[in-house]
Structure formats: structure tokens, C-alpha cells
Amino acid sequence: MAVGTVAFWHRADGWGAIRAVDRPGIGFVHFSHVRGVTGYIDLIRGQDVEFEWADDFAQDGCQWRVEWVRPMANG
């Protein structure tokens, strides 16, 4: 499991990117990959998350893809 922050999120389209602490570049994340959120799924820029990623998958300017992501309690 990796830790990072939300780099950006396109709310209307339901996708964005995660910037990892220990991985270069950014990872593509789709709303269907978000775990632990009920109702409308929305990630917030700068929000801390934990996630798992898949290697060698470039999409929409991202260098890798997030398999699943879960927001962490900031604070």
C-alpha cells in the first residue's frame, strides 16, 4: 500500500490523479477505484490517500494507474 495526495480531480468527469510520496509522476484514478466513500464520490485536491497502483499504464498524462484508493482522515 502506498501513501500520497490528490494532485487534481475533475468532479464532472469523475477522474483525477494521485501524487505518491515514493513514486515518480502521477497516477490516474477513476471514481470507480475509490473505496470507503458512500454517496457521490469526490476527491479533493491535497487530500491524503492510501492506494495501490498498477505499473506501466499511461493515461491522460499520467504515468501509472491507481488500482484502488481510499481517503485518509486529514488532521
C-alpha atoms as a PDB file:
ATOM      1  CA  MET A   1       0.000   0.000   0.000  1.00  0.00           C
ATOM      2  CA  ALA A   2       1.270   3.474  -0.894  1.00  0.00           C
ATOM      3  CA  VAL A   3       0.507   6.917   0.508  1.00  0.00           C
ATOM      4  CA  GLY A   4       0.030  10.131  -1.451  1.00  0.00           C
ATOM      5  CA  THR A   5      -2.148  13.151  -2.114  1.00  0.00           C
ATOM      6  CA  VAL A   6      -4.760  14.028  -4.706  1.00  0.00           C
ATOM      7  CA  ALA A   7      -2.993  16.129  -7.361  1.00  0.00           C
ATOM      8  CA  PHE A   8      -6.230  17.119  -9.115  1.00  0.00           C
ATOM      9  CA  TRP A   9      -9.792  15.889  -9.541  1.00  0.00           C
ATOM     10  CA  HIS A  10     -12.237  16.519 -12.412  1.00  0.00           C
ATOM     11  CA  ARG A  11     -15.505  16.371 -10.497  1.00  0.00           C
ATOM     12  CA  ALA A  12     -17.789  16.483 -13.536  1.00  0.00           C
ATOM     13  CA  ASP A  13     -15.908  13.641 -15.251  1.00  0.00           C
ATOM     14  CA  GLY A  14     -15.148  11.553 -12.139  1.00  0.00           C
ATOM     15  CA  TRP A  15     -11.411  11.137 -12.563  1.00  0.00           C
ATOM     16  CA  GLY A  16      -8.175  12.696 -11.437  1.00  0.00           C
ATOM     17  CA  ALA A  17      -4.620  11.992 -10.370  1.00  0.00           C
ATOM     18  CA  ILE A  18      -2.687  10.963  -7.274  1.00  0.00           C
ATOM     19  CA  ARG A  19       0.850  12.091  -6.468  1.00  0.00           C
ATOM     20  CA  ALA A  20       2.691   9.426  -4.475  1.00  0.00           C
ATOM     21  CA  VAL A  21       5.254  10.015  -1.742  1.00  0.00           C
ATOM     22  CA  ASP A  22       7.624   7.330  -3.061  1.00  0.00           C
ATOM     23  CA  ARG A  23       6.745   7.050  -6.773  1.00  0.00           C
ATOM     24  CA  PRO A  24       7.632   9.492  -9.576  1.00  0.00           C
ATOM     25  CA  GLY A  25       4.957  11.068 -11.723  1.00  0.00           C
ATOM     26  CA  ILE A  26       1.227  10.970 -11.134  1.00  0.00           C
ATOM     27  CA  GLY A  27      -1.296   8.132 -11.204  1.00  0.00           C
ATOM     28  CA  PHE A  28      -4.644   8.109 -12.988  1.00  0.00           C
ATOM     29  CA  VAL A  29      -7.614   7.404 -10.714  1.00  0.00           C
ATOM     30  CA  HIS A  30     -11.252   6.898 -11.704  1.00  0.00           C
ATOM     31  CA  PHE A  31     -14.187   7.285  -9.310  1.00  0.00           C
ATOM     32  CA  SER A  32     -14.864   3.542  -9.610  1.00  0.00           C
ATOM     33  CA  HIS A  33     -11.494   2.894  -7.915  1.00  0.00           C
ATOM     34  CA  VAL A  34     -12.409   4.871  -4.770  1.00  0.00           C
ATOM     35  CA  ARG A  35     -13.141   2.787  -1.655  1.00  0.00           C
ATOM     36  CA  GLY A  36     -14.602   3.805   1.687  1.00  0.00           C
ATOM     37  CA  VAL A  37     -16.808   6.620   0.369  1.00  0.00           C
ATOM     38  CA  THR A  38     -20.592   6.457   0.312  1.00  0.00           C
ATOM     39  CA  GLY A  39     -22.841   8.588  -1.854  1.00  0.00           C
ATOM     40  CA  TYR A  40     -21.362  10.856  -4.515  1.00  0.00           C
ATOM     41  CA  ILE A  41     -17.664  10.096  -4.911  1.00  0.00           C
ATOM     42  CA  ASP A  42     -15.492  13.194  -4.901  1.00  0.00           C
ATOM     43  CA  LEU A  43     -11.821  13.529  -4.058  1.00  0.00           C
ATOM     44  CA  ILE A  44     -10.349  16.883  -3.054  1.00  0.00           C
ATOM     45  CA  ARG A  45      -7.058  18.352  -4.257  1.00  0.00           C
ATOM     46  CA  GLY A  46      -4.471  17.976  -1.498  1.00  0.00           C
ATOM     47  CA  GLN A  47      -6.420  15.219   0.264  1.00  0.00           C
ATOM     48  CA  ASP A  48      -4.247  12.458   1.765  1.00  0.00           C
ATOM     49  CA  VAL A  49      -4.970   8.990   0.404  1.00  0.00           C
ATOM     50  CA  GLU A  50      -3.696   5.449   0.612  1.00  0.00           C
ATOM     51  CA  PHE A  51      -3.751   3.372  -2.558  1.00  0.00           C
ATOM     52  CA  GLU A  52      -2.361   0.561  -4.665  1.00  0.00           C
ATOM     53  CA  TRP A  53      -1.145   1.136  -8.208  1.00  0.00           C
ATOM     54  CA  ALA A  54      -0.508  -0.741 -11.445  1.00  0.00           C
ATOM     55  CA  ASP A  55       2.738  -0.264 -13.338  1.00  0.00           C
ATOM     56  CA  ASP A  56       3.201   0.732 -16.971  1.00  0.00           C
ATOM     57  CA  PHE A  57      -0.197   2.217 -17.668  1.00  0.00           C
ATOM     58  CA  ALA A  58      -0.129   5.732 -19.066  1.00  0.00           C
ATOM     59  CA  GLN A  59      -3.429   7.586 -19.449  1.00  0.00           C
ATOM     60  CA  ASP A  60      -4.464  11.247 -19.715  1.00  0.00           C
ATOM     61  CA  GLY A  61      -0.945  12.489 -18.969  1.00  0.00           C
ATOM     62  CA  CYS A  62      -0.461  10.154 -16.003  1.00  0.00           C
ATOM     63  CA  GLN A  63       2.472   7.722 -15.803  1.00  0.00           C
ATOM     64  CA  TRP A  64       0.691   4.929 -13.898  1.00  0.00           C
ATOM     65  CA  ARG A  65      -2.800   3.857 -12.814  1.00  0.00           C
ATOM     66  CA  VAL A  66      -4.361   3.537  -9.380  1.00  0.00           C
ATOM     67  CA  GLU A  67      -5.981   0.129  -8.753  1.00  0.00           C
ATOM     68  CA  TRP A  68      -7.887   1.368  -5.679  1.00  0.00           C
ATOM     69  CA  VAL A  69      -7.729   4.435  -3.465  1.00  0.00           C
ATOM     70  CA  ARG A  70      -9.095   5.264  -0.023  1.00  0.00           C
ATOM     71  CA  PRO A  71      -9.160   8.759   1.523  1.00  0.00           C
ATOM     72  CA  MET A  72      -7.329   9.109   4.824  1.00  0.00           C
ATOM     73  CA  ALA A  73      -8.510  11.272   7.706  1.00  0.00           C
ATOM     74  CA  ASN A  74      -6.582  14.552   7.418  1.00  0.00           C
ATOM     75  CA  GLY A  75      -5.642  16.105  10.610  1.00  0.00           C
END
